[in-house]
């Protein structure tokens, strides 16, 4: 069964992957500061900021999950002697 986890892990450990993760982390921190300052009655702006934060987090959560799934599959295959 093909899982792209090993390729994703190499990408995440590359200079580009590291740059993108650091940039996303920086943007999340900036967005959280903005979110703290938005008045609650500006629900449209609150939702937009929450969505922007979610998107940046979700991308790396998906990539990290793929890496973990590949590791589990590799361990499972090794246990089966494959």
Protein backbone atom coordinates (compact mmCIF):
# COMPACT_ATOMS: atom_id res chain seq x y z
CA UNK A 1 0.00 0.00 0.00
CA UNK A 2 1.41 3.36 -1.02
CA UNK A 3 1.57 6.08 1.59
CA UNK A 4 3.30 9.35 0.80
CA UNK A 5 4.42 9.79 4.40
CA UNK A 6 8.14 9.28 3.82
CA UNK A 7 8.15 11.76 0.95
CA UNK A 8 6.18 14.24 3.03
CA UNK A 9 8.60 13.84 5.94
CA UNK A 10 11.54 14.57 3.63
CA UNK A 11 9.72 17.63 2.34
CA UNK A 12 8.93 18.87 5.86
CA UNK A 13 12.58 18.43 6.84
CA UNK A 14 13.79 20.27 3.73
CA UNK A 15 14.61 23.97 3.69
CA UNK A 16 11.36 24.73 1.88
CA UNK A 17 9.30 22.65 4.32
CA UNK A 18 10.99 24.28 7.29
CA UNK A 19 10.46 27.72 5.80
CA UNK A 20 6.75 27.07 5.17
CA UNK A 21 6.16 25.68 8.68
CA UNK A 22 7.95 28.66 10.25
CA UNK A 23 6.02 31.10 8.07
CA UNK A 24 2.70 29.48 8.94
CA UNK A 25 3.59 29.56 12.65
CA UNK A 26 4.49 33.24 12.41
CA UNK A 27 1.26 34.04 10.57
CA UNK A 28 -0.79 32.08 13.13
CA UNK A 29 0.80 34.10 15.94
CA UNK A 30 0.01 37.35 14.12
CA UNK A 31 -3.57 36.25 13.40
CA UNK A 32 -4.09 35.30 17.04
CA UNK A 33 -2.99 38.78 18.09
CA UNK A 34 -5.47 40.29 15.65
CA UNK A 35 -8.20 37.94 16.88
CA UNK A 36 -7.62 39.07 20.46
CA UNK A 37 -8.25 42.67 19.40
CA UNK A 38 -11.38 42.17 17.29
CA UNK A 39 -14.54 43.22 19.10
CA UNK A 40 -16.90 40.24 19.56
CA UNK A 41 -19.70 42.05 17.77
CA UNK A 42 -17.60 41.93 14.57
CA UNK A 43 -18.53 38.29 14.08
CA UNK A 44 -17.62 38.32 10.38
CA UNK A 45 -14.07 39.40 11.17
CA UNK A 46 -13.85 36.91 14.04
CA UNK A 47 -14.90 34.06 11.72
CA UNK A 48 -12.48 35.15 9.00
CA UNK A 49 -9.54 35.23 11.41
CA UNK A 50 -10.53 31.88 12.92
CA UNK A 51 -10.75 30.38 9.44
CA UNK A 52 -7.37 31.80 8.43
CA UNK A 53 -5.82 30.29 11.57
CA UNK A 54 -7.54 26.94 10.98
CA UNK A 55 -6.30 26.72 7.37
CA UNK A 56 -2.69 27.31 8.33
CA UNK A 57 -2.87 24.75 11.13
CA UNK A 58 -4.82 22.19 9.11
CA UNK A 59 -2.27 21.94 6.30
CA UNK A 60 0.50 20.89 8.65
CA UNK A 61 -1.82 18.68 10.70
CA UNK A 62 -2.70 16.79 7.50
CA UNK A 63 0.95 16.48 6.52
CA UNK A 64 1.96 15.35 10.02
CA UNK A 65 -0.88 12.81 10.04
CA UNK A 66 0.32 11.37 6.72
CA UNK A 67 3.82 10.97 8.15
CA UNK A 68 2.45 9.19 11.23
CA UNK A 69 0.25 6.91 9.13
CA UNK A 70 3.26 5.91 7.05
CA UNK A 71 5.27 5.15 10.19
CA UNK A 72 2.45 2.97 11.56
CA UNK A 73 2.08 1.18 8.22
CA UNK A 74 5.82 0.51 8.10
CA UNK A 75 5.76 -0.93 11.65
CA UNK A 76 2.71 -3.03 10.79
CA UNK A 77 4.35 -4.37 7.63
CA UNK A 78 7.52 -5.17 9.55
CA UNK A 79 5.46 -7.09 12.10
CA UNK A 80 3.96 -9.14 9.27
CA UNK A 81 7.43 -9.91 7.92
CA UNK A 82 6.81 -8.00 4.70
